[in-house]
Amino acid sequence: MANRLRSLGVVLGLIGVVCLIAGGVAFLRTNEGMGALEDFSATQNVNLSYNEDGQLIDRGTTEGAEAIKTMITEEWGYPLVDGDLNPDDPLVNTASEYMFQMGTIVYHVVNGTQTVVLDEDVEYNGETFAAGTYEFDVDGRYWTDFDRMHPLEGPAREQAWSGTVHGLVGELGVGVVTHTSIQMGYAVAGILAGLGLVSLLTGLGLFWAGRPTPAVAEAPRYDVAKTNGHDESKAGDQLVGV
């Protein structure tokens, strides 16, 4: 039984060492990814804006920032981490900051207006649109919410959701996913290291528990029958003598 415990301890110890090594490698690789993301963010030098009180603002107002946060958390269902929105580190380099920057762009697109110019009268679905200049309210429309054949909606969609907007939203989305993946990488590294440590300690404990124990000297045994017989013989001799 002791040998089995020691063998099991060795196996668990080796598994623990492997997990610790894997956790260390995962941490190093994840840390390299975090460093690359930090360098990329620093190169772009995109910063969020805060007021003197350390409150997040958009176009000079906290109300604008709160409206963007509401859109992100309620309409998009993304849980912003307030701790990532740090006025002492305004550089956009965390998932919440990337998401807020993306929300800022989208918020102003869907709540903006576009100027559409018709060079001539256009008839569409029985309605005539005279030549002239129109201020088209986007009114919360995303790319797929426009009627691209409409003489006003079609051009307004191309202007509001331009290639630049799509590119920025896509790039910021990659930033969100990248930072989230890095956080998961740190978590995986921590789990591997924790499992490795537990396995190693368990293995060492089993190996110690299965160690050979020193032999214990047995106490001398007495034959009760012989002892009793000897006593009875002495008793008999004493009676005869009497």
Protein backbone atom coordinates (compact mmCIF):
# COMPACT_ATOMS: atom_id res chain seq x y z
CA MET A 1 0.00 0.00 0.00
CA ALA A 2 2.83 2.38 0.86
CA ASN A 3 4.49 1.79 -2.50
CA ARG A 4 1.24 2.56 -4.29
CA LEU A 5 0.89 5.85 -2.43
CA ARG A 6 4.45 6.82 -3.30
CA SER A 7 3.91 5.92 -6.97
CA LEU A 8 0.70 7.95 -7.10
CA GLY A 9 2.52 10.83 -5.42
CA VAL A 10 5.24 10.77 -8.07
CA VAL A 11 2.64 10.83 -10.87
CA LEU A 12 0.72 13.73 -9.33
CA GLY A 13 3.96 15.59 -8.71
CA LEU A 14 4.99 15.25 -12.34
CA ILE A 15 1.55 16.40 -13.50
CA GLY A 16 1.90 19.40 -11.18
CA VAL A 17 5.29 20.31 -12.63
CA VAL A 18 3.92 20.08 -16.18
CA CYS A 19 0.94 22.31 -15.29
CA LEU A 20 3.21 24.86 -13.64
CA ILE A 21 5.42 24.98 -16.72
CA ALA A 22 2.38 25.30 -19.01
CA GLY A 23 0.99 28.08 -16.82
CA GLY A 24 4.30 29.92 -16.96
CA VAL A 25 4.48 29.64 -20.74
CA ALA A 26 0.86 30.79 -21.09
CA PHE A 27 1.58 33.78 -18.85
CA LEU A 28 4.67 34.79 -20.83
CA ARG A 29 2.88 34.54 -24.19
CA THR A 30 -0.14 36.43 -22.88
CA ASN A 31 2.11 39.10 -21.43
CA GLU A 32 3.78 39.51 -24.82
CA GLY A 33 0.35 40.01 -26.39
CA MET A 34 -0.52 42.62 -23.77
CA GLY A 35 2.71 44.45 -24.47
CA ALA A 36 1.99 44.46 -28.20
CA LEU A 37 -1.51 45.82 -27.59
CA GLU A 38 -0.12 48.56 -25.35
CA ASP A 39 2.44 49.55 -28.00
CA PHE A 40 -0.21 49.58 -30.72
CA SER A 41 -2.48 51.77 -28.60
CA ALA A 42 0.38 54.13 -27.77
CA THR A 43 1.27 54.43 -31.46
CA GLN A 44 -2.28 55.38 -32.37
CA ASN A 45 -2.41 57.81 -29.40
CA VAL A 46 -6.21 57.81 -29.10
CA ASN A 47 -7.33 59.17 -25.74
CA LEU A 48 -10.65 59.55 -24.00
CA SER A 49 -11.62 62.95 -22.60
CA TYR A 50 -12.16 63.72 -18.91
CA ASN A 51 -13.06 66.94 -17.13
CA GLU A 52 -11.22 68.49 -14.17
CA ASP A 53 -13.21 66.28 -11.77
CA GLY A 54 -12.09 63.12 -13.52
CA GLN A 55 -15.48 62.53 -15.13
CA LEU A 56 -15.72 61.06 -18.60
CA ILE A 57 -17.00 63.58 -21.14
CA ASP A 58 -17.96 63.68 -24.80
CA ARG A 59 -17.77 66.96 -26.68
CA GLY A 60 -17.31 68.75 -23.38
CA THR A 61 -20.29 67.34 -21.45
CA THR A 62 -20.78 64.46 -19.05
CA GLU A 63 -24.33 64.07 -20.38
CA GLY A 64 -22.96 63.10 -23.77
CA ALA A 65 -20.67 60.49 -22.23
CA GLU A 66 -23.52 59.08 -20.14
CA ALA A 67 -25.72 58.79 -23.23
CA ILE A 68 -22.98 56.81 -24.98
CA LYS A 69 -22.51 54.55 -21.95
CA THR A 70 -26.26 53.95 -21.81
CA MET A 71 -26.30 52.95 -25.47
CA ILE A 72 -23.42 50.53 -24.93
CA THR A 73 -24.73 48.92 -21.75
CA GLU A 74 -28.45 48.86 -22.51
CA GLU A 75 -28.79 48.67 -26.29
CA TRP A 76 -25.66 46.66 -27.00
CA GLY A 77 -25.64 44.76 -23.72
CA TYR A 78 -21.92 45.24 -23.11
CA PRO A 79 -20.87 45.51 -19.43
CA LEU A 80 -18.47 48.43 -19.24
CA VAL A 81 -15.91 48.20 -16.43
CA ASP A 82 -15.76 51.60 -14.73
CA GLY A 83 -12.29 50.82 -13.38
CA ASP A 84 -10.97 50.68 -16.95
CA LEU A 85 -12.22 54.21 -17.62
CA ASN A 86 -9.38 55.83 -15.72
CA PRO A 87 -8.76 59.59 -16.02
CA ASP A 88 -5.13 59.02 -14.99
CA ASP A 89 -4.69 56.73 -18.00
CA PRO A 90 -6.87 58.15 -20.81
CA LEU A 91 -5.13 56.10 -23.52
CA VAL A 92 -7.58 53.74 -25.22
CA ASN A 93 -6.02 50.36 -24.42
CA THR A 94 -8.64 48.30 -22.54
CA ALA A 95 -11.77 46.51 -23.73
CA SER A 96 -14.09 49.05 -22.06
CA GLU A 97 -12.16 51.99 -23.50
CA TYR A 98 -12.18 50.47 -26.98
CA MET A 99 -15.90 49.86 -26.66
CA PHE A 100 -16.57 53.40 -25.46
CA GLN A 101 -14.61 54.83 -28.38
CA MET A 102 -16.59 52.64 -30.76
CA GLY A 103 -19.80 53.74 -29.07
CA THR A 104 -18.79 57.39 -29.46
CA ILE A 105 -18.44 57.01 -33.23
CA VAL A 106 -21.66 55.06 -33.65
CA TYR A 107 -23.63 57.35 -31.33
CA HIS A 108 -22.82 60.43 -33.38
CA VAL A 109 -23.51 58.61 -36.63
CA VAL A 110 -26.97 57.38 -35.66
CA ASN A 111 -27.91 60.66 -34.00
CA GLY A 112 -26.57 62.94 -36.71
CA THR A 113 -27.93 64.47 -39.90
CA GLN A 114 -26.70 64.23 -43.47
CA THR A 115 -27.01 66.77 -46.25
CA VAL A 116 -28.38 65.23 -49.44
CA VAL A 117 -28.46 67.19 -52.70
CA LEU A 118 -30.78 66.20 -55.55
CA ASP A 119 -29.79 67.64 -58.89
CA GLU A 120 -33.16 66.90 -60.40
CA ASP A 121 -36.65 65.84 -59.42
CA VAL A 122 -36.90 62.19 -58.43
CA GLU A 123 -40.06 60.10 -58.12
CA TYR A 124 -40.06 57.11 -55.81
CA ASN A 125 -43.03 54.93 -54.86
CA GLY A 126 -45.50 57.56 -56.04
CA GLU A 127 -43.78 60.40 -54.18
CA THR A 128 -41.87 63.16 -55.93
CA PHE A 129 -38.75 64.65 -54.43
CA ALA A 130 -37.96 68.01 -55.96
CA ALA A 131 -34.42 68.98 -56.83
CA GLY A 132 -32.72 70.77 -53.97
CA THR A 133 -30.88 70.32 -50.68
CA TYR A 134 -32.29 68.16 -47.87
CA GLU A 135 -31.18 67.70 -44.28
CA PHE A 136 -31.77 64.02 -43.61
CA ASP A 137 -32.08 62.90 -39.98
CA VAL A 138 -30.42 59.50 -39.51
CA ASP A 139 -32.71 58.94 -36.51
CA GLY A 140 -30.97 55.90 -35.03
CA ARG A 141 -30.61 54.00 -38.31
CA TYR A 142 -27.83 51.47 -38.65
CA TRP A 143 -26.48 50.37 -42.04
CA THR A 144 -29.21 47.82 -42.68
CA ASP A 145 -32.05 50.12 -41.58
CA PHE A 146 -31.88 52.34 -44.67
CA ASP A 147 -33.80 51.93 -47.90
CA ARG A 148 -30.88 52.15 -50.30
CA MET A 149 -33.19 52.77 -53.27
CA HIS A 150 -34.77 55.80 -51.63
CA PRO A 151 -33.52 59.08 -53.18
CA LEU A 152 -32.71 60.50 -49.73
CA GLU A 153 -32.02 57.43 -47.59
CA GLY A 154 -29.67 55.85 -50.11
CA PRO A 155 -27.21 58.76 -50.32
CA ALA A 156 -27.59 59.47 -46.59
CA ARG A 157 -26.60 55.90 -45.76
CA GLU A 158 -23.42 56.16 -47.80
CA GLN A 159 -22.54 59.45 -46.12
CA ALA A 160 -23.38 58.45 -42.55
CA TRP A 161 -21.96 54.93 -42.67
CA SER A 162 -18.92 55.70 -44.73
CA GLY A 163 -15.99 53.39 -45.30
CA THR A 164 -14.07 55.32 -42.66
CA VAL A 165 -16.76 54.70 -40.04
CA HIS A 166 -16.92 50.99 -40.89
CA GLY A 167 -13.13 50.75 -40.74
CA LEU A 168 -12.89 52.47 -37.36
CA VAL A 169 -15.70 50.39 -35.86
CA GLY A 170 -14.06 47.22 -37.16
CA GLU A 171 -10.65 48.19 -35.79
CA LEU A 172 -12.04 49.11 -32.39
CA GLY A 173 -13.99 45.86 -32.32
CA VAL A 174 -10.74 43.97 -32.85
CA GLY A 175 -9.28 45.91 -29.92
CA VAL A 176 -12.17 44.83 -27.68
CA VAL A 177 -11.80 41.18 -28.65
CA THR A 178 -8.00 41.29 -28.33
CA HIS A 179 -8.02 42.74 -24.84
CA THR A 180 -10.75 40.32 -23.73
CA SER A 181 -8.73 37.40 -25.11
CA ILE A 182 -5.66 38.62 -23.26
CA GLN A 183 -7.64 38.71 -20.00
CA MET A 184 -8.79 35.15 -20.67
CA GLY A 185 -5.18 34.18 -21.34
CA TYR A 186 -4.14 35.48 -17.93
CA ALA A 187 -7.02 33.56 -16.36
CA VAL A 188 -6.01 30.32 -18.09
CA ALA A 189 -2.40 30.82 -16.98
CA GLY A 190 -3.56 31.34 -13.42
CA ILE A 191 -5.79 28.24 -13.49
CA LEU A 192 -2.97 26.09 -14.86
CA ALA A 193 -0.55 27.37 -12.25
CA GLY A 194 -3.08 26.78 -9.48
CA LEU A 195 -3.82 23.24 -10.61
CA GLY A 196 -0.12 22.56 -10.94
CA LEU A 197 0.60 23.79 -7.42
CA VAL A 198 -2.24 21.75 -5.91
CA SER A 199 -1.20 18.64 -7.82
CA LEU A 200 2.45 19.07 -6.85
CA LEU A 201 1.67 19.55 -3.16
CA THR A 202 -0.72 16.58 -3.19
CA GLY A 203 1.90 14.42 -4.85
CA LEU A 204 4.53 15.41 -2.31
CA GLY A 205 2.08 14.69 0.49
CA LEU A 206 1.28 11.22 -0.83
CA PHE A 207 4.96 10.48 -1.36
CA TRP A 208 5.66 11.50 2.24
CA ALA A 209 2.70 9.51 3.57
CA GLY A 210 3.96 6.38 1.81
CA ARG A 211 7.45 6.55 3.27
CA PRO A 212 8.65 3.37 5.05
CA THR A 213 8.22 3.47 8.81
CA PRO A 214 10.93 2.16 11.17
CA ALA A 215 10.29 -1.25 12.74
CA VAL A 216 9.00 -1.19 16.32
CA ALA A 217 10.54 -3.68 18.75
CA GLU A 218 7.96 -6.05 20.17
CA ALA A 219 7.50 -6.32 23.92
CA PRO A 220 8.43 -9.75 25.46
CA ARG A 221 5.57 -12.15 25.66
CA TYR A 222 4.88 -14.35 28.68
CA ASP A 223 3.27 -17.78 28.56
CA VAL A 224 0.44 -17.44 31.01
CA ALA A 225 -0.17 -21.19 31.14
CA LYS A 226 3.43 -21.97 32.06
CA THR A 227 3.47 -19.21 34.58
CA ASN A 228 0.30 -20.44 36.17
CA GLY A 229 1.59 -24.04 36.20
CA HIS A 230 4.82 -22.96 37.84
CA ASP A 231 2.88 -21.12 40.48
CA GLU A 232 0.61 -24.13 41.07
CA SER A 233 3.65 -26.44 41.42
CA LYS A 234 5.15 -24.18 43.99
CA ALA A 235 1.87 -24.07 45.82
CA GLY A 236 1.70 -27.91 45.81
CA ASP A 237 5.24 -28.23 47.14
CA GLN A 238 4.43 -25.89 49.91
CA LEU A 239 1.37 -27.98 50.89
CA VAL A 240 3.38 -31.23 50.92
CA GLY A 241 5.97 -29.70 53.10
CA VAL A 242 3.33 -28.73 55.55
